[in-house]
Protein backbone atom coordinates (compact mmCIF):
# COMPACT_ATOMS: atom_id res chain seq x y z
CA MET A 1 20.51 -7.49 2.31
CA ARG A 2 19.97 -8.03 6.13
CA ARG A 3 22.13 -4.97 6.59
CA VAL A 4 19.30 -3.24 4.44
CA ARG A 5 16.36 -4.86 5.56
CA GLY A 6 15.06 -3.70 9.43
CA ALA A 7 18.53 -1.02 8.75
CA SER A 8 17.02 0.93 5.87
CA ILE A 9 13.77 -0.34 5.02
CA GLY A 10 11.30 -1.58 7.52
CA ILE A 11 7.64 -3.18 6.61
CA ALA A 12 4.01 -3.51 8.55
CA PHE A 13 2.36 -6.46 7.05
CA GLN A 14 -1.45 -6.79 6.28
CA GLU A 15 -1.90 -9.48 8.83
CA PRO A 16 -0.44 -8.71 12.35
CA GLY A 17 -1.62 -11.83 13.72
CA SER A 18 0.21 -14.43 10.87
CA ALA A 19 3.57 -12.26 11.21
CA LEU A 20 4.30 -12.24 15.19
CA ASP A 21 5.52 -15.22 16.43
CA PRO A 22 2.70 -16.41 18.56
CA VAL A 23 5.43 -18.09 21.23
CA SER A 24 7.68 -15.18 21.58
CA ARG A 25 6.79 -12.27 23.84
CA ILE A 26 5.97 -8.57 22.56
CA GLY A 27 8.75 -7.08 23.68
CA THR A 28 11.19 -9.70 22.89
CA GLN A 29 10.01 -9.24 19.02
CA VAL A 30 10.51 -5.77 19.10
CA GLY A 31 13.67 -6.01 20.51
CA GLU A 32 14.85 -8.75 18.14
CA SER A 33 16.40 -6.09 15.66
CA LEU A 34 17.98 -3.62 18.18
CA ARG A 35 19.83 -6.66 19.16
CA ILE A 36 20.67 -7.57 15.70
CA HIS A 37 21.29 -4.55 14.14
CA ARG A 38 22.39 -1.65 16.69
CA GLY A 39 24.10 -4.03 18.83
CA LEU A 40 22.10 -3.86 22.13
CA THR A 41 22.45 -6.00 24.90
CA ARG A 42 19.08 -7.98 25.87
CA ARG A 43 18.11 -5.61 28.69
CA ALA A 44 18.67 -2.47 26.60
CA ALA A 45 16.81 -3.93 23.93
CA TRP A 46 13.72 -4.46 26.24
CA ALA A 47 14.03 -0.97 27.55
CA GLU A 48 14.15 0.28 24.03
CA ALA A 49 11.16 -1.94 22.82
CA VAL A 50 9.15 -0.22 25.91
CA LYS A 51 9.98 2.75 24.38
CA LEU A 52 9.13 2.48 21.19
CA LEU A 53 5.25 0.75 21.62
CA ALA A 54 4.74 3.89 23.87
CA ALA A 55 5.93 5.57 20.94
CA VAL A 56 3.11 4.25 18.80
CA SER A 57 0.52 4.39 21.85
CA LEU A 58 -0.12 1.13 22.49
CA PRO A 59 -1.28 1.39 26.14
CA ASP A 60 0.19 0.31 29.08
CA PRO A 61 3.60 -0.58 27.22
CA GLU A 62 5.38 -1.76 29.80
CA ARG A 63 2.70 -4.87 30.95
CA HIS A 64 2.25 -5.30 27.13
CA ALA A 65 5.75 -5.67 26.13
CA ARG A 66 5.37 -8.93 28.48
CA SER A 67 2.30 -10.45 26.51
CA TYR A 68 2.00 -12.47 23.87
CA PRO A 69 -0.27 -11.48 20.46
CA HIS A 70 -2.95 -13.40 21.13
CA GLU A 71 -3.58 -11.12 24.42
CA LEU A 72 -3.72 -8.33 21.75
CA SER A 73 -6.57 -6.46 19.84
CA GLY A 74 -5.77 -6.62 16.15
CA GLY A 75 -5.43 -2.68 16.03
CA MET A 76 -2.60 -3.26 19.05
CA LYS A 77 -0.97 -6.20 17.19
CA GLN A 78 -0.64 -3.88 14.47
CA ARG A 79 0.93 -0.81 16.39
CA VAL A 80 3.24 -3.74 17.55
CA MET A 81 3.80 -4.03 13.91
CA LEU A 82 4.74 -0.61 13.21
CA ALA A 83 7.25 -0.51 16.49
CA ILE A 84 9.27 -3.21 15.13
CA ALA A 85 9.07 -1.75 11.46
CA LEU A 86 10.24 1.43 12.88
CA SER A 87 13.13 -0.02 15.75
CA CYS A 88 16.26 0.55 13.34
CA ARG A 89 14.87 3.85 12.26
CA PRO A 90 14.49 3.20 8.32
CA LYS A 91 14.27 5.64 5.78
CA LEU A 92 11.66 3.79 4.20
CA LEU A 93 8.62 1.98 5.45
CA ILE A 94 6.83 -0.29 3.10
CA ALA A 95 2.75 -0.73 4.94
CA ASP A 96 1.22 -3.36 3.24
CA GLU A 97 -2.69 -3.09 3.96
CA PRO A 98 -2.05 -1.95 7.22
CA THR A 99 -5.65 -1.38 7.73
CA ALA A 100 -7.38 -3.96 6.11
CA ALA A 101 -8.38 -6.07 9.51
CA LEU A 102 -9.36 -3.38 11.22
CA ASP A 103 -12.69 -1.84 11.89
CA VAL A 104 -13.42 1.87 10.70
CA THR A 105 -12.87 3.22 14.22
CA ILE A 106 -9.59 1.62 14.62
CA GLN A 107 -8.74 1.87 11.14
CA ALA A 108 -8.66 6.29 11.48
CA GLN A 109 -6.43 5.91 14.70
CA ALA A 110 -4.03 3.80 12.95
CA LEU A 111 -3.92 6.40 9.49
CA ASP A 112 -3.50 9.07 12.00
CA LEU A 113 -0.67 6.93 13.59
CA LEU A 114 0.85 6.61 10.73
CA ARG A 115 0.67 10.57 9.11
CA THR A 116 2.52 11.29 13.24
CA LEU A 117 5.12 8.68 12.34
CA LYS A 118 5.73 10.07 9.27
CA ALA A 119 6.71 12.90 10.56
CA GLU A 120 8.49 12.41 13.90
CA TYR A 121 10.65 9.39 11.55
CA ASP A 122 10.97 11.89 8.32
CA LEU A 123 9.96 8.82 7.20
CA THR A 124 8.69 7.79 3.20
CA VAL A 125 6.22 5.41 3.26
CA LEU A 126 5.18 3.30 0.81
CA LEU A 127 1.43 2.41 1.05
CA ILE A 128 -0.09 -0.70 -0.61
CA THR A 129 -3.45 -0.56 -0.40
CA HIS A 130 -7.03 -1.28 -2.53
CA ASP A 131 -9.03 1.24 -0.48
CA LEU A 132 -9.10 4.37 -2.17
CA GLY A 133 -10.61 6.27 0.48
CA VAL A 134 -7.25 5.21 2.37
CA VAL A 135 -5.28 6.74 -0.92
CA ALA A 136 -7.49 9.84 -0.46
CA GLU A 137 -6.66 10.36 3.17
CA ILE A 138 -2.88 9.76 3.37
CA ALA A 139 -1.38 9.54 0.36
CA ASP A 140 1.04 12.38 -1.60
CA ARG A 141 1.46 10.32 -4.92
CA VAL A 142 0.01 7.27 -6.50
CA GLY A 143 0.90 4.44 -8.87
CA VAL A 144 -1.88 2.26 -10.04
CA MET A 145 -1.18 -1.33 -10.96
CA TYR A 146 -2.22 -3.45 -13.10
CA ALA A 147 -0.99 -7.14 -13.54
CA GLY A 148 2.07 -6.32 -12.11
CA ARG A 149 2.99 -2.43 -13.89
CA VAL A 150 2.66 0.63 -13.00
CA VAL A 151 -0.13 1.82 -15.41
CA GLU A 152 -0.48 5.47 -14.03
CA GLU A 153 1.26 7.52 -11.87
CA ALA A 154 0.82 11.03 -10.78
CA PRO A 155 0.07 13.48 -7.77
CA VAL A 156 -3.24 11.93 -5.87
CA GLY A 157 -5.31 15.24 -6.47
CA ASP A 158 -4.78 14.47 -9.77
CA ILE A 159 -5.40 10.63 -10.04
CA PHE A 160 -9.14 11.42 -8.64
CA ALA A 161 -9.77 14.68 -10.71
CA THR A 162 -8.75 12.98 -13.96
CA PRO A 163 -7.68 9.74 -14.32
CA ALA A 164 -6.02 9.54 -17.35
CA HIS A 165 -5.74 5.25 -17.86
CA PRO A 166 -8.86 3.45 -18.39
CA TYR A 167 -8.24 1.14 -15.48
CA THR A 168 -7.89 4.04 -12.79
CA LYS A 169 -11.11 5.00 -13.85
CA ALA A 170 -12.66 1.80 -14.00
CA LEU A 171 -11.27 1.63 -10.14
CA LEU A 172 -13.42 5.24 -9.25
CA ASP A 173 -16.37 3.98 -10.80
CA ALA A 174 -16.54 1.11 -8.87
CA VAL A 175 -16.54 3.06 -5.54
CA PRO A 176 -20.06 3.05 -4.08
CA ALA A 177 -21.87 6.28 -5.15
CA ASP A 178 -25.09 5.36 -3.18
CA ALA A 179 -24.23 4.74 0.65
CA ALA A 180 -27.65 3.02 1.11
CA GLY A 181 -26.67 0.27 -1.48
CA ASN A 182 -29.33 1.16 -3.45
CA GLU A 183 -27.44 1.56 -6.94
CA PRO A 184 -25.80 -1.72 -8.85
CA LEU A 185 -21.32 -1.33 -8.75
CA ARG A 186 -19.98 -1.01 -12.13
CA THR A 187 -17.73 -3.94 -13.24
CA LEU A 188 -15.55 -4.73 -15.53
CA PRO A 189 -15.73 -7.61 -17.98
CA GLY A 190 -13.29 -10.73 -17.40
CA THR A 191 -10.56 -11.12 -14.89
CA ALA A 192 -7.21 -10.26 -14.51
CA PRO A 193 -4.50 -12.23 -16.75
CA ASP A 194 -2.80 -15.10 -15.34
CA PRO A 195 0.66 -13.89 -14.40
CA VAL A 196 3.03 -16.60 -16.17
CA SER A 197 0.57 -15.70 -19.78
CA PHE A 198 0.15 -12.11 -19.77
CA PRO A 199 -1.53 -11.07 -23.24
CA SER A 200 0.13 -9.12 -25.99
CA GLY A 201 0.66 -5.73 -26.10
CA CYS A 202 -0.97 -4.34 -23.29
CA ARG A 203 -2.15 -6.09 -20.73
CA PHE A 204 -5.39 -4.36 -19.95
CA HIS A 205 -6.93 -4.58 -23.18
CA PRO A 206 -9.02 -7.67 -23.17
CA ARG A 207 -10.51 -5.83 -20.43
CA CYS A 208 -10.94 -2.53 -21.68
CA PRO A 209 -13.58 -0.71 -22.79
CA ALA A 210 -11.68 1.50 -25.04
CA ARG A 211 -9.08 -0.98 -26.37
CA PHE A 212 -8.45 -0.20 -30.45
CA ALA A 213 -5.75 -1.62 -32.84
CA PRO A 214 -2.35 -0.86 -30.92
CA CYS A 215 -3.67 -2.27 -28.03
CA ASP A 216 -3.63 -5.82 -28.89
CA ALA A 217 -0.07 -6.19 -30.18
CA VAL A 218 2.61 -3.32 -28.91
CA GLU A 219 3.03 -2.66 -25.00
CA PRO A 220 2.24 0.88 -24.15
CA ALA A 221 5.20 2.42 -23.42
CA THR A 222 5.36 5.20 -19.97
CA ARG A 223 4.79 8.18 -21.19
CA PRO A 224 4.59 11.84 -19.59
CA ILE A 225 1.11 13.39 -19.83
CA GLY A 226 1.99 16.36 -17.70
CA PRO A 227 4.01 17.65 -14.62
CA ALA A 228 5.28 15.21 -12.53
CA ARG A 229 2.58 12.67 -14.50
CA THR A 230 3.25 9.18 -16.46
CA VAL A 231 0.40 6.88 -18.01
CA ALA A 232 1.24 3.61 -19.77
CA CYS A 233 -1.80 3.89 -22.42
CA HIS A 234 -2.12 3.89 -26.18
CA LEU A 235 -5.25 6.34 -25.77
CA ASP A 236 -4.02 9.76 -26.42
CA ASP A 237 -0.57 9.11 -27.46
CA PRO A 238 0.03 10.66 -30.52
CA ARG A 239 2.37 8.10 -32.39
CA HIS A 240 -1.23 6.36 -32.72
CA ALA A 241 -2.77 9.19 -34.39
CA GLY A 242 -5.55 7.89 -36.70
CA ALA A 243 -5.31 4.28 -35.63
CA GLY A 244 -9.08 4.47 -35.16
CA PRO A 245 -11.38 4.70 -33.34
CA ALA A 246 -11.93 2.89 -29.75
CA THR A 247 -13.91 -0.24 -29.94
CA ALA A 248 -16.33 -1.11 -27.11
CA ALA A 249 -14.90 -4.48 -25.05
């Protein structure tokens, strides 16, 4: 797995301040995977680390390569995480909430950088986020997950225009419509299930406003509902035609 991690798959964690080693210089941390995977000497790895820091638009990369994490801002540490993740030219970059700890201005810069790096490095980016604004701005395809399962997958435009799964609809309904905050937020009843004791049938059915008889007993299969689109839901499934009307939660 060490031949895969770093070399074929890179990851940028949600909180770079926790992911970076507080007692190791930035250049050393960026160069570590270069020494392990590419066999570079310490001096060569340091020089390459400075180039990578420049590639992710970290200002004054030579000086900051000698810095420690506590000397960098949150946005700068996020750029360091991207440099580490991309150091061995992986095919897949997993970005776990890469903008969650950043303010709005720095968040926009981070997303622009992510788009640029995706094109330059010919990357597949798997973005994990709860921020639907980020999804709309950067994603091509979206997989909506509930309780550990993908319940809907579709091109990003389809997700926002015609959500098919009740949970997807609930997520979009929860986005504030009034910027001034005068409208109450729409919420779902109940809470997410305990992962060691999922409910029978559909995992979402205890909170679903459109549940009906099959939802309680049968786990829905993932089925295609259009070109490049799937959903795991009993609603509109022809196998359950005539099973009865939806019941309010």
